[in-house]
Amino acid sequence: MDDKRFVRTYKQGFMDGVYIWVDRQTGVNYLCAFAGYGLGLTVLLDKDGKPVITPEEELKYL
């Protein structure tokens, strides 16, 4: 397994864009959006307002 704690699992856009990053230690997914000089980062939430967590079985493949 790679020693990087965070891994990008999704990318949309080129100059401006949206990324989803997963913390390999906790499984928590983060949404990162940027445009121009601005950047926003937040925990990715499901429809019930709870954090999206990648199951432990899937983390070993990231």
PDB file of N, CA and C in Angstrom:
ATOM      1  N   MET A   1       0.845  -1.185   0.000  1.00  0.00           N
ATOM      2  CA  MET A   1       0.000   0.000   0.000  1.00  0.00           C
ATOM      3  C   MET A   1       0.886   1.243   0.000  1.00  0.00           C
ATOM      4  N   ASP A   2       0.453   2.232  -0.714  1.00  0.00           N
ATOM      5  CA  ASP A   2       1.145   3.513  -0.787  1.00  0.00           C
ATOM      6  C   ASP A   2       1.103   4.181   0.595  1.00  0.00           C
ATOM      7  N   ASP A   3       2.098   5.006   0.906  1.00  0.00           N
ATOM      8  CA  ASP A   3       2.144   5.644   2.217  1.00  0.00           C
ATOM      9  C   ASP A   3       1.407   6.978   2.278  1.00  0.00           C
ATOM     10  N   LYS A   4       0.745   7.386   1.191  1.00  0.00           N
ATOM     11  CA  LYS A   4       0.000   8.644   1.190  1.00  0.00           C
ATOM     12  C   LYS A   4      -1.294   8.488   1.995  1.00  0.00           C
ATOM     13  N   ARG A   5      -1.559   9.460   2.860  1.00  0.00           N
ATOM     14  CA  ARG A   5      -2.768   9.388   3.682  1.00  0.00           C
ATOM     15  C   ARG A   5      -4.012   9.703   2.854  1.00  0.00           C
ATOM     16  N   PHE A   6      -3.939  10.688   1.969  1.00  0.00           N
ATOM     17  CA  PHE A   6      -5.092  11.080   1.172  1.00  0.00           C
ATOM     18  C   PHE A   6      -4.899  10.660  -0.274  1.00  0.00           C
ATOM     19  N   VAL A   7      -5.977  10.183  -0.886  1.00  0.00           N
ATOM     20  CA  VAL A   7      -5.925   9.775  -2.282  1.00  0.00           C
ATOM     21  C   VAL A   7      -7.121  10.391  -3.009  1.00  0.00           C
ATOM     22  N   ARG A   8      -6.861  10.913  -4.215  1.00  0.00           N
ATOM     23  CA  ARG A   8      -7.938  11.496  -5.019  1.00  0.00           C
ATOM     24  C   ARG A   8      -8.680  10.379  -5.731  1.00  0.00           C
ATOM     25  N   THR A   9      -9.996  10.350  -5.566  1.00  0.00           N
ATOM     26  CA  THR A   9     -10.793   9.299  -6.192  1.00  0.00           C
ATOM     27  C   THR A   9     -11.689   9.818  -7.306  1.00  0.00           C
ATOM     28  N   TYR A  10     -11.790  11.150  -7.443  1.00  0.00           N
ATOM     29  CA  TYR A  10     -12.653  11.723  -8.473  1.00  0.00           C
ATOM     30  C   TYR A  10     -12.106  13.081  -8.876  1.00  0.00           C
ATOM     31  N   LYS A  11     -12.192  13.385 -10.175  1.00  0.00           N
ATOM     32  CA  LYS A  11     -11.776  14.686 -10.686  1.00  0.00           C
ATOM     33  C   LYS A  11     -12.748  15.117 -11.768  1.00  0.00           C
ATOM     34  N   GLN A  12     -13.185  16.377 -11.678  1.00  0.00           N
ATOM     35  CA  GLN A  12     -14.069  16.948 -12.695  1.00  0.00           C
ATOM     36  C   GLN A  12     -13.565  18.342 -13.019  1.00  0.00           C
ATOM     37  N   GLY A  13     -13.403  18.633 -14.285  1.00  0.00           N
ATOM     38  CA  GLY A  13     -12.947  19.958 -14.686  1.00  0.00           C
ATOM     39  C   GLY A  13     -11.440  19.998 -14.919  1.00  0.00           C
ATOM     40  N   PHE A  14     -10.983  21.162 -15.412  1.00  0.00           N
ATOM     41  CA  PHE A  14      -9.564  21.331 -15.708  1.00  0.00           C
ATOM     42  C   PHE A  14      -9.003  22.539 -14.956  1.00  0.00           C
ATOM     43  N   MET A  15      -9.287  23.734 -15.407  1.00  0.00           N
ATOM     44  CA  MET A  15      -8.791  24.933 -14.723  1.00  0.00           C
ATOM     45  C   MET A  15      -9.577  25.178 -13.430  1.00  0.00           C
ATOM     46  N   ASP A  16     -10.881  25.078 -13.501  1.00  0.00           N
ATOM     47  CA  ASP A  16     -11.736  25.116 -12.321  1.00  0.00           C
ATOM     48  C   ASP A  16     -12.250  23.698 -12.152  1.00  0.00           C
ATOM     49  N   GLY A  17     -12.436  23.259 -10.941  1.00  0.00           N
ATOM     50  CA  GLY A  17     -12.843  21.875 -10.832  1.00  0.00           C
ATOM     51  C   GLY A  17     -13.300  21.435  -9.461  1.00  0.00           C
ATOM     52  N   VAL A  18     -13.619  20.160  -9.419  1.00  0.00           N
ATOM     53  CA  VAL A  18     -14.094  19.502  -8.212  1.00  0.00           C
ATOM     54  C   VAL A  18     -13.309  18.202  -8.061  1.00  0.00           C
ATOM     55  N   TYR A  19     -12.831  17.967  -6.867  1.00  0.00           N
ATOM     56  CA  TYR A  19     -12.136  16.716  -6.542  1.00  0.00           C
ATOM     57  C   TYR A  19     -12.810  16.072  -5.346  1.00  0.00           C
ATOM     58  N   ILE A  20     -12.723  14.758  -5.271  1.00  0.00           N
ATOM     59  CA  ILE A  20     -13.087  14.044  -4.055  1.00  0.00           C
ATOM     60  C   ILE A  20     -11.823  13.340  -3.582  1.00  0.00           C
ATOM     61  N   TRP A  21     -11.487  13.587  -2.304  1.00  0.00           N
ATOM     62  CA  TRP A  21     -10.320  12.996  -1.668  1.00  0.00           C
ATOM     63  C   TRP A  21     -10.789  12.072  -0.557  1.00  0.00           C
ATOM     64  N   VAL A  22     -10.109  10.959  -0.378  1.00  0.00           N
ATOM     65  CA  VAL A  22     -10.453  10.010   0.686  1.00  0.00           C
ATOM     66  C   VAL A  22      -9.270   9.905   1.639  1.00  0.00           C
ATOM     67  N   ASP A  23      -9.567  10.017   2.928  1.00  0.00           N
ATOM     68  CA  ASP A  23      -8.574   9.810   3.975  1.00  0.00           C
ATOM     69  C   ASP A  23      -8.445   8.304   4.165  1.00  0.00           C
ATOM     70  N   ARG A  24      -7.294   7.752   3.846  1.00  0.00           N
ATOM     71  CA  ARG A  24      -7.109   6.301   3.893  1.00  0.00           C
ATOM     72  C   ARG A  24      -7.096   5.745   5.313  1.00  0.00           C
ATOM     73  N   GLN A  25      -6.898   6.584   6.310  1.00  0.00           N
ATOM     74  CA  GLN A  25      -6.905   6.114   7.695  1.00  0.00           C
ATOM     75  C   GLN A  25      -8.310   6.042   8.270  1.00  0.00           C
ATOM     76  N   THR A  26      -9.168   6.980   7.884  1.00  0.00           N
ATOM     77  CA  THR A  26     -10.524   7.028   8.450  1.00  0.00           C
ATOM     78  C   THR A  26     -11.608   6.632   7.469  1.00  0.00           C
ATOM     79  N   GLY A  27     -11.325   6.720   6.161  1.00  0.00           N
ATOM     80  CA  GLY A  27     -12.325   6.431   5.136  1.00  0.00           C
ATOM     81  C   GLY A  27     -13.225   7.610   4.817  1.00  0.00           C
ATOM     82  N   VAL A  28     -13.069   8.727   5.521  1.00  0.00           N
ATOM     83  CA  VAL A  28     -13.907   9.907   5.304  1.00  0.00           C
ATOM     84  C   VAL A  28     -13.588  10.524   3.943  1.00  0.00           C
ATOM     85  N   ASN A  29     -14.653  10.912   3.206  1.00  0.00           N
ATOM     86  CA  ASN A  29     -14.526  11.537   1.891  1.00  0.00           C
ATOM     87  C   ASN A  29     -14.665  13.046   2.028  1.00  0.00           C
ATOM     88  N   TYR A  30     -13.815  13.784   1.300  1.00  0.00           N
ATOM     89  CA  TYR A  30     -13.836  15.243   1.323  1.00  0.00           C
ATOM     90  C   TYR A  30     -14.068  15.774  -0.086  1.00  0.00           C
ATOM     91  N   LEU A  31     -14.868  16.827  -0.188  1.00  0.00           N
ATOM     92  CA  LEU A  31     -15.127  17.491  -1.456  1.00  0.00           C
ATOM     93  C   LEU A  31     -14.290  18.760  -1.502  1.00  0.00           C
ATOM     94  N   CYS A  32     -13.507  18.902  -2.551  1.00  0.00           N
ATOM     95  CA  CYS A  32     -12.662  20.075  -2.750  1.00  0.00           C
ATOM     96  C   CYS A  32     -13.075  20.715  -4.071  1.00  0.00           C
ATOM     97  N   ALA A  33     -13.495  21.982  -4.006  1.00  0.00           N
ATOM     98  CA  ALA A  33     -13.903  22.701  -5.210  1.00  0.00           C
ATOM     99  C   ALA A  33     -13.064  23.964  -5.319  1.00  0.00           C
ATOM    100  N   PHE A  34     -12.623  24.263  -6.540  1.00  0.00           N
ATOM    101  CA  PHE A  34     -11.831  25.474  -6.719  1.00  0.00           C
ATOM    102  C   PHE A  34     -12.183  26.157  -8.027  1.00  0.00           C
ATOM    103  N   ALA A  35     -12.056  27.499  -7.993  1.00  0.00           N
ATOM    104  CA  ALA A  35     -12.294  28.335  -9.163  1.00  0.00           C
ATOM    105  C   ALA A  35     -11.445  29.580  -9.012  1.00  0.00           C
ATOM    106  N   GLY A  36     -10.637  29.870 -10.023  1.00  0.00           N
ATOM    107  CA  GLY A  36      -9.764  31.032  -9.946  1.00  0.00           C
ATOM    108  C   GLY A  36      -8.825  30.921  -8.770  1.00  0.00           C
ATOM    109  N   TYR A  37      -8.872  31.914  -7.873  1.00  0.00           N
ATOM    110  CA  TYR A  37      -8.017  31.905  -6.687  1.00  0.00           C
ATOM    111  C   TYR A  37      -8.738  31.370  -5.458  1.00  0.00           C
ATOM    112  N   GLY A  38      -9.989  30.933  -5.621  1.00  0.00           N
ATOM    113  CA  GLY A  38     -10.765  30.444  -4.486  1.00  0.00           C
ATOM    114  C   GLY A  38     -10.748  28.935  -4.377  1.00  0.00           C
ATOM    115  N   LEU A  39     -10.866  28.447  -3.151  1.00  0.00           N
ATOM    116  CA  LEU A  39     -10.867  27.009  -2.897  1.00  0.00           C
ATOM    117  C   LEU A  39     -11.779  26.736  -1.711  1.00  0.00           C
ATOM    118  N   GLY A  40     -12.542  25.666  -1.805  1.00  0.00           N
ATOM    119  CA  GLY A  40     -13.384  25.248  -0.691  1.00  0.00           C
ATOM    120  C   GLY A  40     -13.166  23.774  -0.413  1.00  0.00           C
ATOM    121  N   LEU A  41     -13.167  23.407   0.860  1.00  0.00           N
ATOM    122  CA  LEU A  41     -12.966  22.019   1.259  1.00  0.00           C
ATOM    123  C   LEU A  41     -13.965  21.705   2.359  1.00  0.00           C
ATOM    124  N   THR A  42     -14.666  20.589   2.219  1.00  0.00           N
ATOM    125  CA  THR A  42     -15.639  20.190   3.220  1.00  0.00           C
ATOM    126  C   THR A  42     -15.804  18.678   3.212  1.00  0.00           C
ATOM    127  N   VAL A  43     -16.329  18.158   4.288  1.00  0.00           N
ATOM    128  CA  VAL A  43     -16.656  16.739   4.349  1.00  0.00           C
ATOM    129  C   VAL A  43     -17.810  16.491   3.384  1.00  0.00           C
ATOM    130  N   LEU A  44     -17.711  15.431   2.598  1.00  0.00           N
ATOM    131  CA  LEU A  44     -18.781  15.069   1.667  1.00  0.00           C
ATOM    132  C   LEU A  44     -19.887  14.387   2.461  1.00  0.00           C
ATOM    133  N   LEU A  45     -21.124  14.870   2.315  1.00  0.00           N
ATOM    134  CA  LEU A  45     -22.254  14.348   3.078  1.00  0.00           C
ATOM    135  C   LEU A  45     -23.197  13.542   2.202  1.00  0.00           C
ATOM    136  N   ASP A  46     -23.847  12.536   2.803  1.00  0.00           N
ATOM    137  CA  ASP A  46     -24.850  11.760   2.080  1.00  0.00           C
ATOM    138  C   ASP A  46     -26.203  12.457   2.194  1.00  0.00           C
ATOM    139  N   LYS A  47     -27.250  11.835   1.688  1.00  0.00           N
ATOM    140  CA  LYS A  47     -28.577  12.459   1.661  1.00  0.00           C
ATOM    141  C   LYS A  47     -29.151  12.700   3.052  1.00  0.00           C
ATOM    142  N   ASP A  48     -28.638  12.004   4.067  1.00  0.00           N
ATOM    143  CA  ASP A  48     -29.109  12.177   5.442  1.00  0.00           C
ATOM    144  C   ASP A  48     -28.246  13.149   6.237  1.00  0.00           C
ATOM    145  N   GLY A  49     -27.248  13.743   5.592  1.00  0.00           N
ATOM    146  CA  GLY A  49     -26.379  14.700   6.246  1.00  0.00           C
ATOM    147  C   GLY A  49     -25.242  14.071   7.034  1.00  0.00           C
ATOM    148  N   LYS A  50     -24.999  12.791   6.811  1.00  0.00           N
ATOM    149  CA  LYS A  50     -23.904  12.091   7.488  1.00  0.00           C
ATOM    150  C   LYS A  50     -22.699  12.010   6.552  1.00  0.00           C
ATOM    151  N   PRO A  51     -21.485  11.991   7.106  1.00  0.00           N
ATOM    152  CA  PRO A  51     -20.290  11.912   6.264  1.00  0.00           C
ATOM    153  C   PRO A  51     -20.269  10.638   5.415  1.00  0.00           C
ATOM    154  N   VAL A  52     -19.809  10.783   4.177  1.00  0.00           N
ATOM    155  CA  VAL A  52     -19.619   9.628   3.307  1.00  0.00           C
ATOM    156  C   VAL A  52     -18.312   8.968   3.732  1.00  0.00           C
ATOM    157  N   ILE A  53     -18.389   7.678   4.059  1.00  0.00           N
ATOM    158  CA  ILE A  53     -17.217   6.942   4.510  1.00  0.00           C
ATOM    159  C   ILE A  53     -17.010   5.731   3.608  1.00  0.00           C
ATOM    160  N   THR A  54     -15.845   5.650   3.006  1.00  0.00           N
ATOM    161  CA  THR A  54     -15.495   4.508   2.172  1.00  0.00           C
ATOM    162  C   THR A  54     -15.278   3.304   3.082  1.00  0.00           C
ATOM    163  N   PRO A  55     -15.941   2.169   2.779  1.00  0.00           N
ATOM    164  CA  PRO A  55     -15.770   0.975   3.616  1.00  0.00           C
ATOM    165  C   PRO A  55     -14.309   0.531   3.700  1.00  0.00           C
ATOM    166  N   GLU A  56     -13.937  -0.013   4.852  1.00  0.00           N
ATOM    167  CA  GLU A  56     -12.554  -0.426   5.103  1.00  0.00           C
ATOM    168  C   GLU A  56     -12.051  -1.420   4.060  1.00  0.00           C
ATOM    169  N   GLU A  57     -12.932  -2.309   3.577  1.00  0.00           N
ATOM    170  CA  GLU A  57     -12.529  -3.298   2.567  1.00  0.00           C
ATOM    171  C   GLU A  57     -12.074  -2.622   1.277  1.00  0.00           C
ATOM    172  N   GLU A  58     -12.685  -1.477   0.928  1.00  0.00           N
ATOM    173  CA  GLU A  58     -12.332  -0.761  -0.298  1.00  0.00           C
ATOM    174  C   GLU A  58     -11.086   0.105  -0.141  1.00  0.00           C
ATOM    175  N   LEU A  59     -10.772   0.514   1.086  1.00  0.00           N
ATOM    176  CA  LEU A  59      -9.620   1.397   1.301  1.00  0.00           C
ATOM    177  C   LEU A  59      -8.312   0.762   0.878  1.00  0.00           C
ATOM    178  N   LYS A  60      -8.190  -0.556   0.991  1.00  0.00           N
ATOM    179  CA  LYS A  60      -6.938  -1.209   0.637  1.00  0.00           C
ATOM    180  C   LYS A  60      -6.664  -1.170  -0.870  1.00  0.00           C
ATOM    181  N   TYR A  61      -7.696  -0.868  -1.686  1.00  0.00           N
ATOM    182  CA  TYR A  61      -7.525  -0.794  -3.130  1.00  0.00           C
ATOM    183  C   TYR A  61      -7.252   0.627  -3.613  1.00  0.00           C
ATOM    184  N   LEU A  62      -7.291   1.604  -2.703  1.00  0.00           N
ATOM    185  CA  LEU A  62      -7.063   3.002  -3.100  1.00  0.00           C
ATOM    186  C   LEU A  62      -5.597   3.335  -3.086  1.00  0.00           C
TER     187      LEU A  62
END
